[in-house]
Amino acid sequence: MKILAIIPARAKSIRLKNKNRLKLGDKSLIKWTIDFVLGTKIIKDVVLSTDDEKIINENINNSKIKIFKRPDHLKGKNVKTISVIFNVIKKYEKLFNKIDTVILLQATSPFRSRKKIDFAIRKFIQFKIKKSVISVSSYNKNNKRKFIIKNNVLTEHKDSTFVKKFAINGNFYIASKKFLMKYKSFFTIGKTYPVVLNSKKLKVDIDTKKDFNLAKNFI
C-alpha cells in the first residue's frame, strides 16, 4: 500500500498570524509535524504543500520531503483543504508514482502519538481501505460539529438523549484516494472509523493565541 503524507501550510493565517512558523519550544509548528512524520516507519513519502516562502526556504534542503509550492488559485483563507489534497495527488502522480492512500497531518496539531497513528493505519488496512479513519475527542461545547459513535463509525448526534458525544480534533485523517474522490472529504457519515484521543496534549489544535498558550504547557 502506497501511503502519501500531506502537510498543508498556507501563508498569512488570519486569527493567529503566521501560526505555522510560530516557535513552540525550540522549533516551529511546521517542524513539529515534519519531524513526527519522518520518524515513522510506515510512511515513506511526504509532501509539504505551502505558499509560504520562509517555510519553503527553511525546508528546501531536506531531501526526505517533497515541497510543492501552491499555485495562485490555492492561496488564501477561502481555499478548502480538500482542494489542496487533490492538487497534491495530481502533481505527485504526474511526477512520481500512483498512490493508494493519503494521511493528512496539519501543522496546527503539534503533538501526536506514533502508537495511535500505527493503530489507525492498521484499522484502515483491516477495513480494506473502504472506510476512512480519523481522530476524535470528547465534545467540549465548542463550535465544532458533534457526533456519536455507533457500530464503530461516526454518525451525527441529532437529539438530546444522554450519550457521549465527540468532535473531530484534526490530529490526523486517513483515507484512500478512491474515498476522497468519491466523497470529497476524509469524513462521511457511516463510513468513517474514529480513533479516540483522550490525552489533553494530543487534543491540542492551534488556531488562536489561547490555543498556542495552551500548547506551551505540554513542552
N, C-alpha and C. Protein backbone atom coordinates (compact mmCIF):
# COMPACT_ATOMS: atom_id res chain seq x y z
N MET A 1 0.84 -1.20 0.00
CA MET A 1 0.00 0.00 0.00
C MET A 1 0.87 1.25 0.00
N LYS A 2 0.62 2.14 -0.94
CA LYS A 2 1.40 3.37 -1.08
C LYS A 2 0.72 4.50 -0.31
N ILE A 3 1.34 4.91 0.81
CA ILE A 3 0.79 5.98 1.64
C ILE A 3 1.56 7.27 1.40
N LEU A 4 0.82 8.33 1.10
CA LEU A 4 1.42 9.64 0.95
C LEU A 4 0.96 10.55 2.09
N ALA A 5 1.90 11.07 2.84
CA ALA A 5 1.57 12.04 3.89
C ALA A 5 1.59 13.43 3.29
N ILE A 6 0.54 14.19 3.56
CA ILE A 6 0.46 15.57 3.06
C ILE A 6 0.37 16.52 4.25
N ILE A 7 1.27 17.50 4.25
CA ILE A 7 1.29 18.52 5.30
C ILE A 7 0.97 19.86 4.65
N PRO A 8 -0.23 20.40 4.86
CA PRO A 8 -0.57 21.70 4.30
C PRO A 8 -0.13 22.83 5.22
N ALA A 9 0.38 23.90 4.66
CA ALA A 9 0.83 25.02 5.48
C ALA A 9 0.73 26.31 4.68
N ARG A 10 -0.42 26.91 4.68
CA ARG A 10 -0.59 28.13 3.90
C ARG A 10 -0.01 29.34 4.63
N ALA A 11 0.31 30.35 3.88
CA ALA A 11 0.85 31.58 4.44
C ALA A 11 -0.28 32.49 4.92
N LYS A 12 0.08 33.47 5.74
CA LYS A 12 -0.82 34.56 6.13
C LYS A 12 -2.11 34.06 6.79
N SER A 13 -1.98 33.29 7.84
CA SER A 13 -3.14 32.89 8.62
C SER A 13 -3.77 34.12 9.26
N ILE A 14 -5.07 34.05 9.51
CA ILE A 14 -5.82 35.23 9.93
C ILE A 14 -5.85 35.41 11.45
N ARG A 15 -6.41 34.43 12.16
CA ARG A 15 -6.64 34.61 13.60
C ARG A 15 -5.35 34.60 14.41
N LEU A 16 -4.37 33.84 13.96
CA LEU A 16 -3.07 33.78 14.62
C LEU A 16 -2.01 33.95 13.55
N LYS A 17 -1.41 35.12 13.50
CA LYS A 17 -0.53 35.49 12.39
C LYS A 17 0.64 34.53 12.23
N ASN A 18 0.83 34.07 10.99
CA ASN A 18 1.94 33.18 10.64
C ASN A 18 2.05 31.99 11.61
N LYS A 19 0.92 31.40 11.94
CA LYS A 19 0.92 30.38 13.00
C LYS A 19 1.78 29.16 12.67
N ASN A 20 1.88 28.79 11.40
CA ASN A 20 2.68 27.61 11.07
C ASN A 20 4.17 27.80 11.35
N ARG A 21 4.60 29.07 11.41
CA ARG A 21 6.01 29.38 11.69
C ARG A 21 6.29 29.58 13.18
N LEU A 22 5.26 29.74 13.99
CA LEU A 22 5.46 30.08 15.40
C LEU A 22 6.33 29.06 16.10
N LYS A 23 7.23 29.52 16.95
CA LYS A 23 8.11 28.63 17.68
C LYS A 23 7.41 28.10 18.94
N LEU A 24 7.31 26.79 19.01
CA LEU A 24 6.78 26.11 20.19
C LEU A 24 7.96 25.34 20.78
N GLY A 25 8.47 25.84 21.89
CA GLY A 25 9.72 25.28 22.39
C GLY A 25 10.84 25.73 21.48
N ASP A 26 11.63 24.77 21.00
CA ASP A 26 12.79 25.13 20.18
C ASP A 26 12.57 24.94 18.68
N LYS A 27 11.32 24.71 18.26
CA LYS A 27 11.08 24.56 16.82
C LYS A 27 9.69 25.04 16.44
N SER A 28 9.52 25.34 15.17
CA SER A 28 8.25 25.87 14.67
C SER A 28 7.17 24.78 14.65
N LEU A 29 5.93 25.23 14.55
CA LEU A 29 4.82 24.26 14.48
C LEU A 29 4.99 23.33 13.29
N ILE A 30 5.36 23.88 12.13
CA ILE A 30 5.51 23.03 10.95
C ILE A 30 6.61 21.99 11.15
N LYS A 31 7.66 22.37 11.87
CA LYS A 31 8.77 21.44 12.12
C LYS A 31 8.33 20.29 13.03
N TRP A 32 7.44 20.58 13.99
CA TRP A 32 6.92 19.50 14.85
C TRP A 32 6.30 18.40 14.00
N THR A 33 5.49 18.80 13.04
CA THR A 33 4.81 17.80 12.21
C THR A 33 5.77 17.10 11.25
N ILE A 34 6.68 17.85 10.65
CA ILE A 34 7.67 17.24 9.75
C ILE A 34 8.52 16.22 10.50
N ASP A 35 9.00 16.58 11.66
CA ASP A 35 9.84 15.67 12.45
C ASP A 35 9.08 14.41 12.84
N PHE A 36 7.80 14.60 13.16
CA PHE A 36 7.00 13.42 13.54
C PHE A 36 6.87 12.44 12.38
N VAL A 37 6.46 12.94 11.23
CA VAL A 37 6.19 12.04 10.11
C VAL A 37 7.47 11.38 9.61
N LEU A 38 8.60 12.08 9.69
CA LEU A 38 9.86 11.48 9.26
C LEU A 38 10.35 10.42 10.24
N GLY A 39 9.79 10.43 11.44
CA GLY A 39 10.16 9.44 12.43
C GLY A 39 9.33 8.17 12.38
N THR A 40 8.32 8.15 11.51
CA THR A 40 7.51 6.95 11.38
C THR A 40 8.17 5.96 10.43
N LYS A 41 7.79 4.71 10.52
CA LYS A 41 8.38 3.68 9.66
C LYS A 41 7.54 3.37 8.44
N ILE A 42 6.21 3.45 8.59
CA ILE A 42 5.33 3.02 7.50
C ILE A 42 5.14 4.10 6.44
N ILE A 43 5.32 5.38 6.82
CA ILE A 43 5.11 6.48 5.87
C ILE A 43 6.45 6.84 5.23
N LYS A 44 6.55 6.61 3.95
CA LYS A 44 7.82 6.81 3.25
C LYS A 44 7.85 8.09 2.40
N ASP A 45 6.68 8.57 1.99
CA ASP A 45 6.62 9.74 1.12
C ASP A 45 5.86 10.87 1.79
N VAL A 46 6.47 12.06 1.79
CA VAL A 46 5.91 13.22 2.47
C VAL A 46 5.93 14.42 1.54
N VAL A 47 4.80 15.09 1.42
CA VAL A 47 4.71 16.32 0.63
C VAL A 47 4.30 17.47 1.54
N LEU A 48 5.05 18.54 1.47
CA LEU A 48 4.72 19.79 2.15
C LEU A 48 4.13 20.72 1.11
N SER A 49 2.86 21.08 1.28
CA SER A 49 2.19 21.98 0.33
C SER A 49 2.06 23.36 0.97
N THR A 50 2.74 24.34 0.39
CA THR A 50 2.75 25.66 1.01
C THR A 50 2.97 26.77 -0.01
N ASP A 51 2.55 27.98 0.36
CA ASP A 51 2.87 29.16 -0.42
C ASP A 51 3.68 30.14 0.43
N ASP A 52 4.19 29.65 1.55
CA ASP A 52 4.97 30.47 2.48
C ASP A 52 6.45 30.34 2.12
N GLU A 53 7.03 31.41 1.59
CA GLU A 53 8.41 31.36 1.12
C GLU A 53 9.40 31.06 2.25
N LYS A 54 9.12 31.54 3.44
CA LYS A 54 10.03 31.28 4.56
C LYS A 54 10.03 29.80 4.90
N ILE A 55 8.86 29.17 4.92
CA ILE A 55 8.77 27.74 5.20
C ILE A 55 9.47 26.94 4.09
N ILE A 56 9.29 27.38 2.85
CA ILE A 56 9.97 26.71 1.73
C ILE A 56 11.48 26.79 1.90
N ASN A 57 12.00 27.97 2.18
CA ASN A 57 13.45 28.16 2.32
C ASN A 57 14.03 27.37 3.48
N GLU A 58 13.25 27.23 4.56
CA GLU A 58 13.75 26.51 5.73
C GLU A 58 13.81 24.99 5.49
N ASN A 59 13.04 24.51 4.51
CA ASN A 59 12.96 23.07 4.31
C ASN A 59 13.46 22.60 2.94
N ILE A 60 13.94 23.55 2.14
CA ILE A 60 14.31 23.24 0.76
C ILE A 60 15.43 22.20 0.67
N ASN A 61 16.29 22.15 1.67
CA ASN A 61 17.41 21.22 1.63
C ASN A 61 17.14 19.89 2.32
N ASN A 62 15.91 19.69 2.76
CA ASN A 62 15.54 18.43 3.40
C ASN A 62 15.15 17.43 2.31
N SER A 63 16.04 16.51 2.02
CA SER A 63 15.82 15.55 0.93
C SER A 63 14.75 14.52 1.24
N LYS A 64 14.30 14.47 2.49
CA LYS A 64 13.31 13.45 2.89
C LYS A 64 11.88 13.89 2.64
N ILE A 65 11.68 15.16 2.28
CA ILE A 65 10.34 15.63 1.97
C ILE A 65 10.33 16.30 0.60
N LYS A 66 9.16 16.30 -0.01
CA LYS A 66 8.98 16.98 -1.29
C LYS A 66 8.16 18.24 -1.02
N ILE A 67 8.60 19.35 -1.58
CA ILE A 67 7.89 20.61 -1.39
C ILE A 67 7.15 20.99 -2.67
N PHE A 68 5.83 21.11 -2.56
CA PHE A 68 5.01 21.55 -3.69
C PHE A 68 4.53 22.97 -3.40
N LYS A 69 5.02 23.92 -4.17
CA LYS A 69 4.57 25.30 -4.00
C LYS A 69 3.16 25.44 -4.58
N ARG A 70 2.28 26.03 -3.80
CA ARG A 70 0.89 26.14 -4.22
C ARG A 70 0.71 27.13 -5.37
N PRO A 71 -0.12 26.76 -6.33
CA PRO A 71 -0.46 27.72 -7.39
C PRO A 71 -1.34 28.83 -6.82
N ASP A 72 -1.47 29.91 -7.55
CA ASP A 72 -2.20 31.08 -7.05
C ASP A 72 -3.64 30.75 -6.64
N HIS A 73 -4.31 29.87 -7.36
CA HIS A 73 -5.72 29.60 -7.05
C HIS A 73 -5.90 28.80 -5.77
N LEU A 74 -4.80 28.33 -5.17
CA LEU A 74 -4.89 27.59 -3.91
C LEU A 74 -4.29 28.39 -2.75
N LYS A 75 -4.20 29.69 -2.92
CA LYS A 75 -3.72 30.56 -1.86
C LYS A 75 -4.91 31.28 -1.23
N GLY A 76 -4.77 31.65 0.03
CA GLY A 76 -5.82 32.43 0.67
C GLY A 76 -6.68 31.65 1.64
N LYS A 77 -7.41 32.40 2.45
CA LYS A 77 -8.17 31.81 3.56
C LYS A 77 -9.39 31.02 3.11
N ASN A 78 -9.89 31.25 1.91
CA ASN A 78 -11.12 30.58 1.48
C ASN A 78 -10.87 29.26 0.75
N VAL A 79 -9.62 28.91 0.60
CA VAL A 79 -9.29 27.65 -0.09
C VAL A 79 -9.55 26.46 0.83
N LYS A 80 -10.26 25.48 0.34
CA LYS A 80 -10.56 24.29 1.13
C LYS A 80 -9.39 23.31 1.11
N THR A 81 -9.16 22.67 2.25
CA THR A 81 -8.06 21.72 2.35
C THR A 81 -8.17 20.60 1.31
N ILE A 82 -9.40 20.15 1.06
CA ILE A 82 -9.56 19.04 0.11
C ILE A 82 -9.10 19.44 -1.29
N SER A 83 -9.23 20.72 -1.63
CA SER A 83 -8.74 21.19 -2.94
C SER A 83 -7.22 21.10 -3.00
N VAL A 84 -6.56 21.40 -1.89
CA VAL A 84 -5.11 21.27 -1.79
C VAL A 84 -4.70 19.81 -1.93
N ILE A 85 -5.45 18.93 -1.27
CA ILE A 85 -5.17 17.49 -1.33
C ILE A 85 -5.24 16.99 -2.76
N PHE A 86 -6.29 17.34 -3.49
CA PHE A 86 -6.43 16.89 -4.87
C PHE A 86 -5.31 17.43 -5.75
N ASN A 87 -4.91 18.66 -5.52
CA ASN A 87 -3.81 19.25 -6.28
C ASN A 87 -2.51 18.49 -6.05
N VAL A 88 -2.25 18.14 -4.78
CA VAL A 88 -1.03 17.41 -4.45
C VAL A 88 -1.05 16.01 -5.07
N ILE A 89 -2.18 15.32 -4.97
CA ILE A 89 -2.28 13.97 -5.55
C ILE A 89 -1.99 14.02 -7.04
N LYS A 90 -2.62 14.95 -7.73
CA LYS A 90 -2.45 15.06 -9.18
C LYS A 90 -0.99 15.32 -9.55
N LYS A 91 -0.37 16.24 -8.84
CA LYS A 91 1.02 16.59 -9.15
C LYS A 91 1.97 15.46 -8.79
N TYR A 92 1.73 14.84 -7.63
CA TYR A 92 2.60 13.75 -7.18
C TYR A 92 2.56 12.59 -8.18
N GLU A 93 1.36 12.22 -8.60
CA GLU A 93 1.24 11.08 -9.52
C GLU A 93 1.80 11.40 -10.90
N LYS A 94 1.77 12.64 -11.26
CA LYS A 94 2.36 13.04 -12.55
C LYS A 94 3.88 12.97 -12.49
N LEU A 95 4.47 13.33 -11.35
CA LEU A 95 5.92 13.37 -11.23
C LEU A 95 6.53 12.06 -10.75
N PHE A 96 5.76 11.30 -9.96
CA PHE A 96 6.34 10.12 -9.33
C PHE A 96 5.50 8.87 -9.59
N ASN A 97 4.77 8.40 -8.58
CA ASN A 97 4.02 7.15 -8.71
C ASN A 97 2.57 7.32 -8.32
N LYS A 98 1.76 6.35 -8.69
CA LYS A 98 0.38 6.30 -8.24
C LYS A 98 0.36 6.04 -6.74
N ILE A 99 -0.66 6.58 -6.06
CA ILE A 99 -0.79 6.34 -4.62
C ILE A 99 -2.12 5.67 -4.32
N ASP A 100 -2.19 5.01 -3.18
CA ASP A 100 -3.42 4.37 -2.74
C ASP A 100 -4.11 5.18 -1.65
N THR A 101 -3.28 5.76 -0.78
CA THR A 101 -3.79 6.30 0.47
C THR A 101 -3.14 7.63 0.82
N VAL A 102 -3.92 8.51 1.44
CA VAL A 102 -3.41 9.79 1.92
C VAL A 102 -3.60 9.89 3.42
N ILE A 103 -2.57 10.36 4.12
CA ILE A 103 -2.72 10.73 5.53
C ILE A 103 -2.45 12.23 5.63
N LEU A 104 -3.43 12.94 6.14
CA LEU A 104 -3.32 14.39 6.29
C LEU A 104 -2.86 14.72 7.71
N LEU A 105 -1.77 15.46 7.79
CA LEU A 105 -1.21 15.87 9.08
C LEU A 105 -1.06 17.39 9.08
N GLN A 106 -1.83 18.06 9.90
CA GLN A 106 -1.83 19.51 9.92
C GLN A 106 -0.85 20.05 10.95
N ALA A 107 -0.18 21.13 10.60
CA ALA A 107 0.83 21.72 11.50
C ALA A 107 0.22 22.24 12.79
N THR A 108 -1.07 22.48 12.78
CA THR A 108 -1.74 23.03 13.97
C THR A 108 -1.93 21.99 15.08
N SER A 109 -1.60 20.74 14.79
CA SER A 109 -1.62 19.69 15.81
C SER A 109 -0.17 19.21 16.03
N PRO A 110 0.57 19.89 16.90
CA PRO A 110 2.00 19.57 17.04
C PRO A 110 2.30 18.28 17.78
N PHE A 111 1.35 17.81 18.59
CA PHE A 111 1.61 16.63 19.42
C PHE A 111 0.86 15.42 18.88
N ARG A 112 1.61 14.36 18.61
CA ARG A 112 0.99 13.15 18.08
C ARG A 112 1.58 11.91 18.74
N SER A 113 0.86 10.81 18.62
CA SER A 113 1.29 9.54 19.18
C SER A 113 1.53 8.54 18.04
N ARG A 114 2.74 8.03 17.93
CA ARG A 114 3.01 7.02 16.91
C ARG A 114 2.16 5.77 17.14
N LYS A 115 1.95 5.44 18.41
CA LYS A 115 1.14 4.28 18.75
C LYS A 115 -0.29 4.44 18.21
N LYS A 116 -0.85 5.63 18.38
CA LYS A 116 -2.22 5.88 17.92
C LYS A 116 -2.31 5.86 16.39
N ILE A 117 -1.33 6.47 15.74
CA ILE A 117 -1.37 6.51 14.28
C ILE A 117 -1.07 5.14 13.68
N ASP A 118 -0.18 4.37 14.29
CA ASP A 118 0.06 2.99 13.83
C ASP A 118 -1.22 2.17 13.96
N PHE A 119 -1.93 2.37 15.08
CA PHE A 119 -3.21 1.67 15.29
C PHE A 119 -4.21 2.09 14.22
N ALA A 120 -4.26 3.39 13.94
CA ALA A 120 -5.20 3.90 12.93
C ALA A 120 -4.92 3.30 11.56
N ILE A 121 -3.65 3.20 11.20
CA ILE A 121 -3.29 2.63 9.90
C ILE A 121 -3.63 1.14 9.84
N ARG A 122 -3.40 0.43 10.95
CA ARG A 122 -3.77 -1.00 10.98
C ARG A 122 -5.28 -1.17 10.81
N LYS A 123 -6.07 -0.31 11.44
CA LYS A 123 -7.52 -0.37 11.29
C LYS A 123 -7.92 -0.08 9.85
N PHE A 124 -7.28 0.90 9.27
CA PHE A 124 -7.55 1.28 7.89
C PHE A 124 -7.31 0.09 6.95
N ILE A 125 -6.21 -0.61 7.17
CA ILE A 125 -5.90 -1.79 6.36
C ILE A 125 -6.91 -2.91 6.64
N GLN A 126 -7.29 -3.05 7.89
CA GLN A 126 -8.27 -4.08 8.27
C GLN A 126 -9.60 -3.87 7.55
N PHE A 127 -9.98 -2.61 7.35
CA PHE A 127 -11.22 -2.28 6.64
C PHE A 127 -11.05 -2.36 5.13
N LYS A 128 -9.89 -2.82 4.68
CA LYS A 128 -9.58 -2.96 3.26
C LYS A 128 -9.72 -1.62 2.54
N ILE A 129 -9.31 -0.58 3.25
CA ILE A 129 -9.28 0.83 2.83
C ILE A 129 -10.62 1.34 2.29
N LYS A 130 -11.72 0.68 2.67
CA LYS A 130 -13.05 1.13 2.24
C LYS A 130 -13.63 2.19 3.16
N LYS A 131 -13.08 2.32 4.37
CA LYS A 131 -13.51 3.34 5.30
C LYS A 131 -12.34 4.30 5.55
N SER A 132 -12.67 5.52 5.90
CA SER A 132 -11.62 6.43 6.33
C SER A 132 -11.44 6.28 7.84
N VAL A 133 -10.33 6.76 8.35
CA VAL A 133 -10.03 6.71 9.79
C VAL A 133 -9.54 8.09 10.20
N ILE A 134 -10.18 8.66 11.23
CA ILE A 134 -9.78 9.99 11.68
C ILE A 134 -9.76 10.04 13.20
N SER A 135 -9.10 11.05 13.73
CA SER A 135 -9.01 11.20 15.18
C SER A 135 -10.14 12.09 15.70
N VAL A 136 -10.67 11.71 16.87
CA VAL A 136 -11.73 12.48 17.53
C VAL A 136 -11.42 12.59 19.02
N SER A 137 -12.12 13.51 19.67
CA SER A 137 -12.01 13.67 21.12
C SER A 137 -13.40 13.95 21.67
N SER A 138 -13.53 13.85 22.98
CA SER A 138 -14.81 14.15 23.62
C SER A 138 -15.23 15.57 23.28
N TYR A 139 -16.51 15.74 22.99
CA TYR A 139 -17.06 17.05 22.65
C TYR A 139 -17.05 17.94 23.88
N ASN A 140 -16.58 19.19 23.73
CA ASN A 140 -16.45 20.07 24.89
C ASN A 140 -17.17 21.40 24.73
N LYS A 141 -18.31 21.36 24.05
CA LYS A 141 -19.17 22.54 23.90
C LYS A 141 -18.51 23.68 23.14
N ASN A 142 -17.62 23.32 22.22
CA ASN A 142 -17.07 24.36 21.35
C ASN A 142 -17.96 24.46 20.11
N ASN A 143 -17.48 25.11 19.07
CA ASN A 143 -18.32 25.33 17.90
C ASN A 143 -18.21 24.22 16.85
N LYS A 144 -17.49 23.15 17.16
CA LYS A 144 -17.34 22.06 16.21
C LYS A 144 -18.60 21.20 16.17
N ARG A 145 -18.78 20.52 15.04
CA ARG A 145 -19.91 19.59 14.92
C ARG A 145 -19.75 18.46 15.91
N LYS A 146 -20.85 17.98 16.44
CA LYS A 146 -20.77 16.88 17.39
C LYS A 146 -21.33 15.61 16.77
N PHE A 147 -20.71 14.49 17.17
CA PHE A 147 -21.06 13.19 16.62
C PHE A 147 -21.17 12.17 17.75
N ILE A 148 -21.78 11.05 17.43
CA ILE A 148 -21.74 9.89 18.32
C ILE A 148 -21.09 8.74 17.57
N ILE A 149 -20.63 7.77 18.32
CA ILE A 149 -20.05 6.57 17.71
C ILE A 149 -21.09 5.46 17.80
N LYS A 150 -21.47 4.94 16.65
CA LYS A 150 -22.48 3.89 16.58
C LYS A 150 -22.02 2.84 15.59
N ASN A 151 -21.97 1.60 16.05
CA ASN A 151 -21.48 0.50 15.21
C ASN A 151 -20.07 0.78 14.69
N ASN A 152 -19.26 1.39 15.55
CA ASN A 152 -17.84 1.66 15.27
C ASN A 152 -17.60 2.69 14.17
N VAL A 153 -18.61 3.48 13.83
CA VAL A 153 -18.41 4.57 12.88
C VAL A 153 -19.04 5.85 13.44
N LEU A 154 -18.62 6.98 12.90
CA LEU A 154 -19.18 8.26 13.33
C LEU A 154 -20.52 8.52 12.66
N THR A 155 -21.47 8.98 13.47
CA THR A 155 -22.75 9.42 12.93
C THR A 155 -23.16 10.69 13.66
N GLU A 156 -23.99 11.51 13.06
CA GLU A 156 -24.33 12.79 13.66
C GLU A 156 -25.28 12.62 14.84
N HIS A 157 -25.08 13.48 15.84
CA HIS A 157 -25.93 13.50 17.03
C HIS A 157 -27.10 14.44 16.75
N LYS A 158 -28.32 13.90 16.73
CA LYS A 158 -29.47 14.70 16.30
C LYS A 158 -30.51 14.94 17.39
N ASP A 159 -30.32 14.40 18.58
CA ASP A 159 -31.29 14.64 19.64
C ASP A 159 -30.58 14.92 20.95
N SER A 160 -31.33 15.07 22.02
CA SER A 160 -30.75 15.45 23.30
C SER A 160 -30.55 14.25 24.23
N THR A 161 -30.70 13.08 23.70
CA THR A 161 -30.51 11.87 24.52
C THR A 161 -29.12 11.86 25.12
N PHE A 162 -29.03 11.44 26.38
CA PHE A 162 -27.71 11.40 27.03
C PHE A 162 -26.87 10.31 26.39
N VAL A 163 -25.86 10.73 25.69
CA VAL A 163 -24.94 9.80 25.05
C VAL A 163 -23.62 10.55 24.87
N LYS A 164 -22.53 9.84 24.95
CA LYS A 164 -21.23 10.50 24.82
C LYS A 164 -21.06 11.04 23.42
N LYS A 165 -20.66 12.29 23.34
CA LYS A 165 -20.51 12.96 22.05
C LYS A 165 -19.04 13.26 21.77
N PHE A 166 -18.71 13.32 20.47
CA PHE A 166 -17.32 13.51 20.05
C PHE A 166 -17.24 14.60 18.99
N ALA A 167 -16.03 15.15 18.85
CA ALA A 167 -15.75 16.14 17.80
C ALA A 167 -14.46 15.75 17.09
N ILE A 168 -14.38 16.04 15.81
CA ILE A 168 -13.16 15.81 15.05
C ILE A 168 -12.11 16.80 15.53
N ASN A 169 -10.93 16.31 15.91
CA ASN A 169 -9.94 17.20 16.52
C ASN A 169 -8.79 17.61 15.61
N GLY A 170 -8.69 17.04 14.42
CA GLY A 170 -7.69 17.49 13.46
C GLY A 170 -6.30 16.89 13.60
N ASN A 171 -6.12 15.93 14.53
CA ASN A 171 -4.79 15.37 14.73
C ASN A 171 -4.31 14.57 13.52
N PHE A 172 -5.17 13.74 12.95
CA PHE A 172 -4.82 13.02 11.72
C PHE A 172 -6.08 12.57 10.99
N TYR A 173 -5.93 12.41 9.68
CA TYR A 173 -7.00 11.93 8.81
C TYR A 173 -6.38 10.93 7.83
N ILE A 174 -7.03 9.80 7.64
CA ILE A 174 -6.53 8.78 6.71
C ILE A 174 -7.67 8.34 5.79
N ALA A 175 -7.40 8.33 4.49
CA ALA A 175 -8.41 7.87 3.54
C ALA A 175 -7.74 7.41 2.25
N SER A 176 -8.41 6.52 1.54
CA SER A 176 -7.89 6.10 0.24
C SER A 176 -8.17 7.19 -0.79
N LYS A 177 -7.43 7.16 -1.87
CA LYS A 177 -7.67 8.12 -2.95
C LYS A 177 -9.09 7.95 -3.49
N LYS A 178 -9.54 6.72 -3.60
CA LYS A 178 -10.89 6.47 -4.11
C LYS A 178 -11.94 7.07 -3.20
N PHE A 179 -11.74 6.94 -1.89
CA PHE A 179 -12.67 7.50 -0.91
C PHE A 179 -12.73 9.02 -1.06
N LEU A 180 -11.58 9.66 -1.17
CA LEU A 180 -11.52 11.11 -1.30
C LEU A 180 -12.18 11.58 -2.59
N MET A 181 -11.95 10.88 -3.67
CA MET A 181 -12.56 11.25 -4.94
C MET A 181 -14.08 11.11 -4.90
N LYS A 182 -14.55 10.09 -4.19
CA LYS A 182 -15.98 9.82 -4.14
C LYS A 182 -16.71 10.79 -3.22
N TYR A 183 -16.14 11.02 -2.03
CA TYR A 183 -16.86 11.81 -1.02
C TYR A 183 -16.36 13.24 -0.89
N LYS A 184 -15.25 13.56 -1.55
CA LYS A 184 -14.67 14.91 -1.49
C LYS A 184 -14.37 15.33 -0.05
N SER A 185 -14.00 14.36 0.76
CA SER A 185 -13.74 14.61 2.18
C SER A 185 -13.06 13.39 2.79
N PHE A 186 -12.39 13.60 3.94
CA PHE A 186 -11.85 12.49 4.71
C PHE A 186 -12.93 11.87 5.60
N PHE A 187 -14.07 12.52 5.65
CA PHE A 187 -15.13 12.08 6.56
C PHE A 187 -16.47 12.02 5.85
N THR A 188 -17.20 10.94 6.11
CA THR A 188 -18.59 10.88 5.68
C THR A 188 -19.35 10.01 6.67
N ILE A 189 -20.59 10.37 6.93
CA ILE A 189 -21.40 9.67 7.92
C ILE A 189 -21.50 8.18 7.58
N GLY A 190 -21.23 7.35 8.58
CA GLY A 190 -21.40 5.91 8.44
C GLY A 190 -20.24 5.18 7.79
N LYS A 191 -19.22 5.92 7.33
CA LYS A 191 -18.09 5.28 6.65
C LYS A 191 -16.75 5.74 7.18
N THR A 192 -16.77 6.33 8.38
CA THR A 192 -15.53 6.82 8.98
C THR A 192 -15.35 6.24 10.37
N TYR A 193 -14.22 5.57 10.56
CA TYR A 193 -13.91 4.96 11.86
C TYR A 193 -13.16 5.98 12.72
N PRO A 194 -13.63 6.20 13.96
CA PRO A 194 -12.97 7.17 14.82
C PRO A 194 -11.94 6.55 15.76
N VAL A 195 -10.78 7.17 15.85
CA VAL A 195 -9.80 6.81 16.86
C VAL A 195 -9.86 7.89 17.94
N VAL A 196 -10.26 7.50 19.13
CA VAL A 196 -10.49 8.47 20.21
C VAL A 196 -9.18 8.83 20.90
N LEU A 197 -8.91 10.12 20.98
CA LEU A 197 -7.74 10.63 21.69
C LEU A 197 -8.21 11.26 22.99
N ASN A 198 -7.86 10.65 24.11
CA ASN A 198 -8.29 11.16 25.41
C ASN A 198 -7.28 12.11 26.03
N SER A 199 -6.03 12.03 25.61
CA SER A 199 -4.98 12.87 26.16
C SER A 199 -5.21 14.34 25.82
N LYS A 200 -5.14 15.20 26.82
CA LYS A 200 -5.30 16.64 26.58
C LYS A 200 -4.22 17.16 25.64
N LYS A 201 -3.06 16.59 25.74
CA LYS A 201 -1.94 17.01 24.88
C LYS A 201 -2.24 16.71 23.42
N LEU A 202 -2.72 15.50 23.14
CA LEU A 202 -2.99 15.10 21.76
C LEU A 202 -4.17 15.84 21.15
N LYS A 203 -5.03 16.39 22.01
CA LYS A 203 -6.20 17.11 21.52
C LYS A 203 -5.90 18.55 21.11
N VAL A 204 -4.70 19.02 21.39
CA VAL A 204 -4.35 20.41 21.07
C VAL A 204 -4.46 20.67 19.57
N ASP A 205 -5.22 21.70 19.21
CA ASP A 205 -5.38 22.11 17.82
C ASP A 205 -5.29 23.63 17.80
N ILE A 206 -4.18 24.15 17.29
CA ILE A 206 -3.86 25.56 17.45
C ILE A 206 -4.46 26.42 16.33
N ASP A 207 -5.37 27.30 16.73
CA ASP A 207 -5.97 28.22 15.78
C ASP A 207 -6.00 29.64 16.32
N THR A 208 -5.83 29.78 17.63
CA THR A 208 -5.86 31.09 18.28
C THR A 208 -4.67 31.22 19.24
N LYS A 209 -4.46 32.44 19.74
CA LYS A 209 -3.39 32.67 20.72
C LYS A 209 -3.64 31.85 21.98
N LYS A 210 -4.91 31.71 22.36
CA LYS A 210 -5.26 30.91 23.53
C LYS A 210 -4.83 29.46 23.33
N ASP A 211 -5.09 28.91 22.15
CA ASP A 211 -4.68 27.54 21.83
C ASP A 211 -3.16 27.40 21.91
N PHE A 212 -2.46 28.40 21.37
CA PHE A 212 -1.00 28.37 21.36
C PHE A 212 -0.43 28.39 22.78
N ASN A 213 -1.01 29.23 23.62
CA ASN A 213 -0.56 29.30 25.02
C ASN A 213 -0.83 27.98 25.74
N LEU A 214 -1.95 27.35 25.41
CA LEU A 214 -2.26 26.04 26.00
C LEU A 214 -1.19 25.02 25.60
N ALA A 215 -0.79 25.05 24.34
CA ALA A 215 0.22 24.10 23.83
C ALA A 215 1.54 24.24 24.58
N LYS A 216 1.87 25.43 25.01
CA LYS A 216 3.12 25.66 25.72
C LYS A 216 3.20 24.87 27.03
N ASN A 217 2.05 24.53 27.58
CA ASN A 217 2.01 23.78 28.83
C ASN A 217 2.48 22.34 28.68
N PHE A 218 2.57 21.87 27.43
CA PHE A 218 2.88 20.46 27.19
C PHE A 218 4.31 20.22 26.68
N ILE A 219 5.13 21.26 26.69
CA ILE A 219 6.50 21.06 26.20
C ILE A 219 7.50 21.16 27.36
